[in-house]
PDB file of N, CA and C in Angstrom:
ATOM      1  N   MET A   1     124.009 117.012  97.321  1.00  0.00           N
ATOM      2  CA  MET A   1     122.744 117.575  97.819  1.00  0.00           C
ATOM      3  C   MET A   1     121.674 116.913  98.498  1.00  0.00           C
ATOM      4  N   GLU A   2     121.605 115.493  98.034  1.00  0.00           N
ATOM      5  CA  GLU A   2     121.027 114.482  98.438  1.00  0.00           C
ATOM      6  C   GLU A   2     121.160 114.340 100.113  1.00  0.00           C
ATOM      7  N   ALA A   3     122.270 114.394 100.591  1.00  0.00           N
ATOM      8  CA  ALA A   3     122.874 114.030 102.053  1.00  0.00           C
ATOM      9  C   ALA A   3     122.025 115.290 102.642  1.00  0.00           C
ATOM     10  N   PHE A   4     122.107 116.334 102.089  1.00  0.00           N
ATOM     11  CA  PHE A   4     121.560 117.662 102.878  1.00  0.00           C
ATOM     12  C   PHE A   4     120.086 117.716 102.936  1.00  0.00           C
ATOM     13  N   ASN A   5     119.687 117.096 101.568  1.00  0.00           N
ATOM     14  CA  ASN A   5     118.221 117.133 101.789  1.00  0.00           C
ATOM     15  C   ASN A   5     117.762 116.170 103.153  1.00  0.00           C
ATOM     16  N   GLU A   6     118.296 114.861 103.152  1.00  0.00           N
ATOM     17  CA  GLU A   6     118.248 113.668 104.224  1.00  0.00           C
ATOM     18  C   GLU A   6     118.396 114.561 105.188  1.00  0.00           C
ATOM     19  N   MET A   7     119.334 115.207 105.769  1.00  0.00           N
ATOM     20  CA  MET A   7     119.674 115.726 107.085  1.00  0.00           C
ATOM     21  C   MET A   7     118.751 116.764 107.537  1.00  0.00           C
ATOM     22  N   GLU A   8     118.209 117.648 106.401  1.00  0.00           N
ATOM     23  CA  GLU A   8     117.177 118.935 106.800  1.00  0.00           C
ATOM     24  C   GLU A   8     115.909 117.945 106.934  1.00  0.00           C
ATOM     25  N   GLY A   9     115.474 116.879 106.272  1.00  0.00           N
ATOM     26  CA  GLY A   9     114.447 116.278 106.953  1.00  0.00           C
ATOM     27  C   GLY A   9     114.322 115.647 108.058  1.00  0.00           C
ATOM     28  N   ASP A  10     115.627 115.383 108.681  1.00  0.00           N
ATOM     29  CA  ASP A  10     115.681 114.800 109.990  1.00  0.00           C
ATOM     30  C   ASP A  10     115.786 115.968 111.090  1.00  0.00           C
ATOM     31  N   ILE A  11     116.045 117.132 110.442  1.00  0.00           N
ATOM     32  CA  ILE A  11     115.914 118.283 111.780  1.00  0.00           C
ATOM     33  C   ILE A  11     114.599 118.615 111.621  1.00  0.00           C
ATOM     34  N   CYS A  12     114.034 118.809 110.513  1.00  0.00           N
ATOM     35  CA  CYS A  12     112.480 119.220 110.469  1.00  0.00           C
ATOM     36  C   CYS A  12     111.678 118.407 111.455  1.00  0.00           C
ATOM     37  N   GLU A  13     111.803 116.995 111.435  1.00  0.00           N
ATOM     38  CA  GLU A  13     110.820 115.928 111.828  1.00  0.00           C
ATOM     39  C   GLU A  13     111.358 116.149 113.462  1.00  0.00           C
ATOM     40  N   SER A  14     112.686 116.340 113.755  1.00  0.00           N
ATOM     41  CA  SER A  14     112.605 116.381 115.317  1.00  0.00           C
ATOM     42  C   SER A  14     112.244 117.844 115.757  1.00  0.00           C
ATOM     43  N   ALA A  15     112.084 118.860 114.741  1.00  0.00           N
ATOM     44  CA  ALA A  15     111.464 120.049 115.342  1.00  0.00           C
ATOM     45  C   ALA A  15     110.071 119.917 115.821  1.00  0.00           C
ATOM     46  N   VAL A  16     109.151 119.368 114.387  1.00  0.00           N
ATOM     47  CA  VAL A  16     107.957 119.021 114.695  1.00  0.00           C
ATOM     48  C   VAL A  16     107.773 117.921 116.056  1.00  0.00           C
ATOM     49  N   ASN A  17     108.441 117.354 116.613  1.00  0.00           N
ATOM     50  CA  ASN A  17     108.440 116.294 117.470  1.00  0.00           C
ATOM     51  C   ASN A  17     109.126 117.254 118.780  1.00  0.00           C
ATOM     52  N   LEU A  18     109.323 118.190 118.744  1.00  0.00           N
ATOM     53  CA  LEU A  18     109.887 118.924 119.867  1.00  0.00           C
ATOM     54  C   LEU A  18     109.059 119.194 121.004  1.00  0.00           C
ATOM     55  N   PRO A  19     107.484 119.563 120.704  1.00  0.00           N
ATOM     56  CA  PRO A  19     106.638 119.847 121.652  1.00  0.00           C
ATOM     57  C   PRO A  19     106.427 118.247 122.644  1.00  0.00           C
ATOM     58  N   LYS A  20     106.049 117.234 122.130  1.00  0.00           N
ATOM     59  CA  LYS A  20     106.151 115.762 122.440  1.00  0.00           C
ATOM     60  C   LYS A  20     107.175 115.487 123.142  1.00  0.00           C
ATOM     61  N   SER A  21     108.507 115.376 122.449  1.00  0.00           N
ATOM     62  CA  SER A  21     109.633 114.613 123.308  1.00  0.00           C
ATOM     63  C   SER A  21     110.345 115.809 123.939  1.00  0.00           C
ATOM     64  N   GLY A  22     110.326 117.172 123.756  1.00  0.00           N
ATOM     65  CA  GLY A  22     110.971 117.843 124.890  1.00  0.00           C
ATOM     66  C   GLY A  22     112.401 118.221 124.630  1.00  0.00           C
ATOM     67  N   ARG A  23     112.665 117.208 123.409  1.00  0.00           N
ATOM     68  CA  ARG A  23     114.050 117.674 122.904  1.00  0.00           C
ATOM     69  C   ARG A  23     114.317 117.730 121.625  1.00  0.00           C
ATOM     70  N   VAL A  24     115.603 117.806 121.179  1.00  0.00           N
ATOM     71  CA  VAL A  24     116.056 117.891 119.502  1.00  0.00           C
ATOM     72  C   VAL A  24     116.733 116.837 119.611  1.00  0.00           C
ATOM     73  N   THR A  25     116.510 116.345 118.410  1.00  0.00           N
ATOM     74  CA  THR A  25     117.527 114.909 118.018  1.00  0.00           C
ATOM     75  C   THR A  25     118.061 115.166 116.916  1.00  0.00           C
ATOM     76  N   VAL A  26     119.118 114.946 116.491  1.00  0.00           N
ATOM     77  CA  VAL A  26     120.049 114.919 115.487  1.00  0.00           C
ATOM     78  C   VAL A  26     120.760 113.940 115.217  1.00  0.00           C
ATOM     79  N   ARG A  27     120.781 113.201 114.298  1.00  0.00           N
ATOM     80  CA  ARG A  27     121.645 111.969 114.242  1.00  0.00           C
ATOM     81  C   ARG A  27     123.269 112.756 113.979  1.00  0.00           C
ATOM     82  N   GLU A  28     124.205 111.443 114.499  1.00  0.00           N
ATOM     83  CA  GLU A  28     125.446 112.292 115.102  1.00  0.00           C
ATOM     84  C   GLU A  28     126.255 112.363 113.782  1.00  0.00           C
ATOM     85  N   LEU A  29     125.793 111.835 112.602  1.00  0.00           N
ATOM     86  CA  LEU A  29     126.292 111.680 111.386  1.00  0.00           C
ATOM     87  C   LEU A  29     126.117 113.330 110.700  1.00  0.00           C
ATOM     88  N   ASN A  30     125.039 113.698 110.995  1.00  0.00           N
ATOM     89  CA  ASN A  30     124.336 115.062 110.659  1.00  0.00           C
ATOM     90  C   ASN A  30     124.948 116.107 111.682  1.00  0.00           C
ATOM     91  N   LEU A  31     125.490 115.718 112.883  1.00  0.00           N
ATOM     92  CA  LEU A  31     126.175 116.927 113.248  1.00  0.00           C
ATOM     93  C   LEU A  31     127.410 116.715 112.826  1.00  0.00           C
ATOM     94  N   ILE A  32     128.121 115.867 112.580  1.00  0.00           N
ATOM     95  CA  ILE A  32     129.436 115.911 112.260  1.00  0.00           C
ATOM     96  C   ILE A  32     129.632 116.591 110.517  1.00  0.00           C
ATOM     97  N   ASP A  33     128.598 116.352 109.824  1.00  0.00           N
ATOM     98  CA  ASP A  33     128.509 117.230 108.480  1.00  0.00           C
ATOM     99  C   ASP A  33     128.080 118.584 108.719  1.00  0.00           C
ATOM    100  N   LEU A  34     127.247 118.952 109.510  1.00  0.00           N
ATOM    101  CA  LEU A  34     127.184 120.154 110.033  1.00  0.00           C
ATOM    102  C   LEU A  34     128.155 120.997 110.559  1.00  0.00           C
ATOM    103  N   GLY A  35     128.970 120.296 111.607  1.00  0.00           N
ATOM    104  CA  GLY A  35     130.400 121.003 112.315  1.00  0.00           C
ATOM    105  C   GLY A  35     131.114 121.226 110.856  1.00  0.00           C
ATOM    106  N   ALA A  36     131.508 119.944 110.387  1.00  0.00           N
ATOM    107  CA  ALA A  36     132.410 120.464 109.240  1.00  0.00           C
ATOM    108  C   ALA A  36     132.219 121.439 107.986  1.00  0.00           C
ATOM    109  N   THR A  37     130.937 121.213 107.498  1.00  0.00           N
ATOM    110  CA  THR A  37     130.375 122.587 106.884  1.00  0.00           C
ATOM    111  C   THR A  37     130.553 124.141 107.591  1.00  0.00           C
ATOM    112  N   HIS A  38     130.234 124.199 108.898  1.00  0.00           N
ATOM    113  CA  HIS A  38     130.336 125.216 109.325  1.00  0.00           C
ATOM    114  C   HIS A  38     132.250 125.681 109.532  1.00  0.00           C
ATOM    115  N   PHE A  39     132.882 124.322 109.938  1.00  0.00           N
ATOM    116  CA  PHE A  39     134.312 125.097 110.119  1.00  0.00           C
ATOM    117  C   PHE A  39     134.963 125.337 108.458  1.00  0.00           C
ATOM    118  N   LYS A  40     134.315 124.767 107.474  1.00  0.00           N
ATOM    119  CA  LYS A  40     134.713 125.110 106.155  1.00  0.00           C
ATOM    120  C   LYS A  40     134.628 126.563 105.619  1.00  0.00           C
ATOM    121  N   TYR A  41     133.406 126.820 106.012  1.00  0.00           N
ATOM    122  CA  TYR A  41     133.079 128.293 105.536  1.00  0.00           C
ATOM    123  C   TYR A  41     133.169 129.332 106.464  1.00  0.00           C
ATOM    124  N   GLY A  42     134.207 128.936 107.757  1.00  0.00           N
ATOM    125  CA  GLY A  42     134.679 129.769 108.532  1.00  0.00           C
ATOM    126  C   GLY A  42     133.609 130.589 109.674  1.00  0.00           C
ATOM    127  N   VAL A  43     132.367 129.751 109.700  1.00  0.00           N
ATOM    128  CA  VAL A  43     131.573 130.272 110.696  1.00  0.00           C
ATOM    129  C   VAL A  43     132.409 130.641 111.989  1.00  0.00           C
ATOM    130  N   VAL A  44     131.832 131.555 112.798  1.00  0.00           N
ATOM    131  CA  VAL A  44     132.331 132.523 113.959  1.00  0.00           C
ATOM    132  C   VAL A  44     130.972 132.192 114.907  1.00  0.00           C
ATOM    133  N   ASP A  45     131.201 132.491 116.330  1.00  0.00           N
ATOM    134  CA  ASP A  45     130.276 132.954 117.271  1.00  0.00           C
ATOM    135  C   ASP A  45     129.278 134.353 116.783  1.00  0.00           C
ATOM    136  N   GLU A  46     130.229 134.982 116.143  1.00  0.00           N
ATOM    137  CA  GLU A  46     129.339 136.167 115.945  1.00  0.00           C
ATOM    138  C   GLU A  46     128.187 136.065 114.679  1.00  0.00           C
ATOM    139  N   HIS A  47     128.587 135.008 113.960  1.00  0.00           N
ATOM    140  CA  HIS A  47     127.535 134.631 113.115  1.00  0.00           C
ATOM    141  C   HIS A  47     126.181 133.532 113.440  1.00  0.00           C
ATOM    142  N   LEU A  48     126.819 133.316 114.257  1.00  0.00           N
ATOM    143  CA  LEU A  48     125.470 132.163 115.158  1.00  0.00           C
ATOM    144  C   LEU A  48     124.477 133.158 116.059  1.00  0.00           C
ATOM    145  N   GLU A  49     125.172 134.187 116.584  1.00  0.00           N
ATOM    146  CA  GLU A  49     124.330 134.982 117.185  1.00  0.00           C
ATOM    147  C   GLU A  49     123.264 136.008 116.480  1.00  0.00           C
ATOM    148  N   VAL A  50     124.062 136.270 115.235  1.00  0.00           N
ATOM    149  CA  VAL A  50     122.982 137.209 114.222  1.00  0.00           C
ATOM    150  C   VAL A  50     121.933 136.174 113.620  1.00  0.00           C
ATOM    151  N   THR A  51     122.442 134.829 113.708  1.00  0.00           N
ATOM    152  CA  THR A  51     121.358 133.904 112.961  1.00  0.00           C
ATOM    153  C   THR A  51     120.454 133.643 114.002  1.00  0.00           C
ATOM    154  N   LYS A  52     120.738 133.475 115.220  1.00  0.00           N
ATOM    155  CA  LYS A  52     119.826 133.601 116.567  1.00  0.00           C
ATOM    156  C   LYS A  52     118.907 134.454 116.475  1.00  0.00           C
ATOM    157  N   TYR A  53     119.452 135.442 116.396  1.00  0.00           N
ATOM    158  CA  TYR A  53     118.701 137.075 116.425  1.00  0.00           C
ATOM    159  C   TYR A  53     117.436 136.957 115.286  1.00  0.00           C
ATOM    160  N   ALA A  54     118.371 136.484 114.028  1.00  0.00           N
ATOM    161  CA  ALA A  54     117.356 136.822 112.878  1.00  0.00           C
ATOM    162  C   ALA A  54     116.260 135.767 112.894  1.00  0.00           C
ATOM    163  N   LEU A  55     116.514 134.345 113.641  1.00  0.00           N
ATOM    164  CA  LEU A  55     115.253 133.191 113.647  1.00  0.00           C
ATOM    165  C   LEU A  55     114.338 133.798 114.408  1.00  0.00           C
ATOM    166  N   LEU A  56     114.425 134.353 115.932  1.00  0.00           N
ATOM    167  CA  LEU A  56     113.680 134.357 116.904  1.00  0.00           C
ATOM    168  C   LEU A  56     112.730 135.793 116.288  1.00  0.00           C
ATOM    169  N   LYS A  57     113.548 136.911 115.831  1.00  0.00           N
ATOM    170  CA  LYS A  57     112.807 137.881 115.156  1.00  0.00           C
ATOM    171  C   LYS A  57     111.826 137.777 114.178  1.00  0.00           C
ATOM    172  N   THR A  58     112.269 136.676 113.403  1.00  0.00           N
ATOM    173  CA  THR A  58     111.600 136.051 111.959  1.00  0.00           C
ATOM    174  C   THR A  58     110.291 135.611 113.019  1.00  0.00           C
ATOM    175  N   MET A  59     110.620 134.491 113.585  1.00  0.00           N
ATOM    176  CA  MET A  59     109.345 133.776 114.373  1.00  0.00           C
ATOM    177  C   MET A  59     108.673 134.710 114.917  1.00  0.00           C
ATOM    178  N   LYS A  60     108.903 135.721 115.707  1.00  0.00           N
ATOM    179  CA  LYS A  60     107.785 136.627 116.444  1.00  0.00           C
ATOM    180  C   LYS A  60     107.190 137.202 115.342  1.00  0.00           C
ATOM    181  N   GLU A  61     107.439 137.606 114.154  1.00  0.00           N
ATOM    182  CA  GLU A  61     106.770 138.179 112.923  1.00  0.00           C
ATOM    183  C   GLU A  61     105.861 137.009 112.321  1.00  0.00           C
ATOM    184  N   ALA A  62     106.168 135.991 112.089  1.00  0.00           N
ATOM    185  CA  ALA A  62     105.167 135.019 111.668  1.00  0.00           C
ATOM    186  C   ALA A  62     104.251 134.948 112.167  1.00  0.00           C
ATOM    187  N   VAL A  63     104.469 134.783 113.689  1.00  0.00           N
ATOM    188  CA  VAL A  63     103.284 134.131 114.523  1.00  0.00           C
ATOM    189  C   VAL A  63     102.929 135.017 115.719  1.00  0.00           C
ATOM    190  N   PRO A  64     102.956 136.211 115.516  1.00  0.00           N
ATOM    191  CA  PRO A  64     102.653 137.457 116.564  1.00  0.00           C
ATOM    192  C   PRO A  64     101.453 136.915 117.679  1.00  0.00           C
ATOM    193  N   ASP A  65     100.415 136.246 117.162  1.00  0.00           N
ATOM    194  CA  ASP A  65      99.562 135.899 118.336  1.00  0.00           C
ATOM    195  C   ASP A  65      99.941 134.858 119.213  1.00  0.00           C
ATOM    196  N   MET A  66     100.583 133.994 118.530  1.00  0.00           N
ATOM    197  CA  MET A  66     101.185 133.064 119.431  1.00  0.00           C
ATOM    198  C   MET A  66     102.489 133.005 120.174  1.00  0.00           C
ATOM    199  N   TRP A  67     103.223 134.357 119.843  1.00  0.00           N
ATOM    200  CA  TRP A  67     104.553 134.549 120.219  1.00  0.00           C
ATOM    201  C   TRP A  67     104.427 134.825 121.792  1.00  0.00           C
ATOM    202  N   SER A  68     105.419 134.406 122.448  1.00  0.00           N
ATOM    203  CA  SER A  68     105.104 134.679 123.920  1.00  0.00           C
ATOM    204  C   SER A  68     106.976 134.727 124.804  1.00  0.00           C
ATOM    205  N   PRO A  69     106.983 135.092 125.908  1.00  0.00           N
ATOM    206  CA  PRO A  69     108.233 135.165 126.522  1.00  0.00           C
ATOM    207  C   PRO A  69     108.770 133.725 126.397  1.00  0.00           C
ATOM    208  N   GLU A  70     107.710 132.706 126.769  1.00  0.00           N
ATOM    209  CA  GLU A  70     107.825 131.456 127.392  1.00  0.00           C
ATOM    210  C   GLU A  70     108.337 130.769 125.605  1.00  0.00           C
ATOM    211  N   MET A  71     107.775 130.759 124.585  1.00  0.00           N
ATOM    212  CA  MET A  71     108.225 130.201 123.316  1.00  0.00           C
ATOM    213  C   MET A  71     109.272 131.037 123.009  1.00  0.00           C
ATOM    214  N   LYS A  72     109.695 132.588 123.166  1.00  0.00           N
ATOM    215  CA  LYS A  72     110.987 132.819 122.992  1.00  0.00           C
ATOM    216  C   LYS A  72     112.080 132.027 123.765  1.00  0.00           C
ATOM    217  N   SER A  73     111.817 131.736 124.807  1.00  0.00           N
ATOM    218  CA  SER A  73     112.818 131.113 125.761  1.00  0.00           C
ATOM    219  C   SER A  73     113.357 129.743 125.239  1.00  0.00           C
ATOM    220  N   ALA A  74     112.016 128.996 124.658  1.00  0.00           N
ATOM    221  CA  ALA A  74     112.080 127.821 124.505  1.00  0.00           C
ATOM    222  C   ALA A  74     112.703 127.361 122.969  1.00  0.00           C
ATOM    223  N   TRP A  75     112.542 128.290 122.042  1.00  0.00           N
ATOM    224  CA  TRP A  75     113.059 128.590 121.227  1.00  0.00           C
ATOM    225  C   TRP A  75     114.837 128.757 121.246  1.00  0.00           C
ATOM    226  N   ALA A  76     115.135 129.597 121.888  1.00  0.00           N
ATOM    227  CA  ALA A  76     116.256 130.189 122.106  1.00  0.00           C
ATOM    228  C   ALA A  76     117.296 128.767 122.860  1.00  0.00           C
ATOM    229  N   GLU A  77     116.466 128.295 123.832  1.00  0.00           N
ATOM    230  CA  GLU A  77     117.345 127.181 124.215  1.00  0.00           C
ATOM    231  C   GLU A  77     117.617 126.163 123.319  1.00  0.00           C
ATOM    232  N   ALA A  78     116.773 125.909 122.373  1.00  0.00           N
ATOM    233  CA  ALA A  78     116.783 124.891 121.348  1.00  0.00           C
ATOM    234  C   ALA A  78     117.747 125.272 120.424  1.00  0.00           C
ATOM    235  N   TYR A  79     117.832 126.303 120.228  1.00  0.00           N
ATOM    236  CA  TYR A  79     118.893 126.953 119.404  1.00  0.00           C
ATOM    237  C   TYR A  79     120.299 126.634 119.592  1.00  0.00           C
ATOM    238  N   ASP A  80     120.583 127.299 120.901  1.00  0.00           N
ATOM    239  CA  ASP A  80     121.596 127.151 121.678  1.00  0.00           C
ATOM    240  C   ASP A  80     122.345 125.606 122.080  1.00  0.00           C
ATOM    241  N   LYS A  81     121.204 124.941 121.969  1.00  0.00           N
ATOM    242  CA  LYS A  81     121.501 123.220 122.241  1.00  0.00           C
ATOM    243  C   LYS A  81     122.070 122.701 120.923  1.00  0.00           C
ATOM    244  N   LEU A  82     121.448 123.197 119.653  1.00  0.00           N
ATOM    245  CA  LEU A  82     122.147 122.540 118.435  1.00  0.00           C
ATOM    246  C   LEU A  82     123.510 123.245 118.088  1.00  0.00           C
ATOM    247  N   VAL A  83     123.188 124.484 118.459  1.00  0.00           N
ATOM    248  CA  VAL A  83     124.500 125.239 118.120  1.00  0.00           C
ATOM    249  C   VAL A  83     125.699 124.475 118.872  1.00  0.00           C
ATOM    250  N   GLY A  84     125.404 124.407 119.950  1.00  0.00           N
ATOM    251  CA  GLY A  84     126.484 123.876 120.933  1.00  0.00           C
ATOM    252  C   GLY A  84     126.956 122.614 120.519  1.00  0.00           C
ATOM    253  N   ALA A  85     125.996 121.840 120.135  1.00  0.00           N
ATOM    254  CA  ALA A  85     126.487 120.471 119.606  1.00  0.00           C
ATOM    255  C   ALA A  85     127.306 120.370 117.660  1.00  0.00           C
ATOM    256  N   ILE A  86     126.792 121.397 117.465  1.00  0.00           N
ATOM    257  CA  ILE A  86     127.630 121.592 116.030  1.00  0.00           C
ATOM    258  C   ILE A  86     128.900 122.157 116.214  1.00  0.00           C
ATOM    259  N   LYS A  87     129.022 122.987 117.059  1.00  0.00           N
ATOM    260  CA  LYS A  87     130.371 123.646 117.636  1.00  0.00           C
ATOM    261  C   LYS A  87     131.447 122.660 118.025  1.00  0.00           C
ATOM    262  N   LYS A  88     130.896 121.638 118.852  1.00  0.00           N
ATOM    263  CA  LYS A  88     131.803 120.496 119.496  1.00  0.00           C
ATOM    264  C   LYS A  88     132.253 119.876 118.060  1.00  0.00           C
ATOM    265  N   GLU A  89     131.423 119.739 116.968  1.00  0.00           N
ATOM    266  CA  GLU A  89     132.049 119.172 115.459  1.00  0.00           C
ATOM    267  C   GLU A  89     132.576 119.946 114.639  1.00  0.00           C
ATOM    268  N   MET A  90     132.752 121.234 115.057  1.00  0.00           N
ATOM    269  CA  MET A  90     133.552 122.403 113.932  1.00  0.00           C
ATOM    270  C   MET A  90     135.227 121.933 113.929  1.00  0.00           C
ATOM    271  N   LYS A  91     135.230 121.001 113.088  1.00  0.00           N
ATOM    272  CA  LYS A  91     136.807 120.637 112.833  1.00  0.00           C
ATOM    273  C   LYS A  91     136.869 120.136 111.112  1.00  0.00           C
ATOM    274  N   PRO A  92     138.241 120.037 110.851  1.00  0.00           N
ATOM    275  CA  PRO A  92     138.275 119.868 109.442  1.00  0.00           C
ATOM    276  C   PRO A  92     137.542 118.615 109.028  1.00  0.00           C
ATOM    277  N   PRO A  93     136.768 117.977 108.090  1.00  0.00           N
ATOM    278  CA  PRO A  93     136.089 116.896 107.737  1.00  0.00           C
ATOM    279  C   PRO A  93     137.275 115.831 107.882  1.00  0.00           C
ATOM    280  N   GLN A  94     136.998 114.726 108.369  1.00  0.00           N
ATOM    281  CA  GLN A  94     137.718 113.665 108.356  1.00  0.00           C
ATOM    282  C   GLN A  94     138.082 112.856 106.840  1.00  0.00           C
ATOM    283  N   THR A  95     138.918 112.476 106.338  1.00  0.00           N
ATOM    284  CA  THR A  95     138.956 111.743 105.183  1.00  0.00           C
ATOM    285  C   THR A  95     139.280 110.337 105.334  1.00  0.00           C
ATOM    286  N   SER A  96     138.565 109.526 104.743  1.00  0.00           N
ATOM    287  CA  SER A  96     138.472 108.035 104.611  1.00  0.00           C
ATOM    288  C   SER A  96     140.107 107.419 104.032  1.00  0.00           C
TER     289      SER A  96
END
């Protein structure tokens, strides 16, 4: 659980810095862990699409005065890039 909390903190920090940096950065080890976990639980493209829809809808409801087509597009792009990176790592975990 400690590794998850560390990974979650890294992702949150990256998201906070997104407006300044223009990109989301996640450590390679985190992507490997995320990919292995998604593989382990049998995540498929349909799950990722539902999650994207729920994320965008929830954000729109949370900040309706700030929500715009540009913000939706930016979040969708960031989500798609993160999912693409996770999908590249969706394979059985490596054993040492």
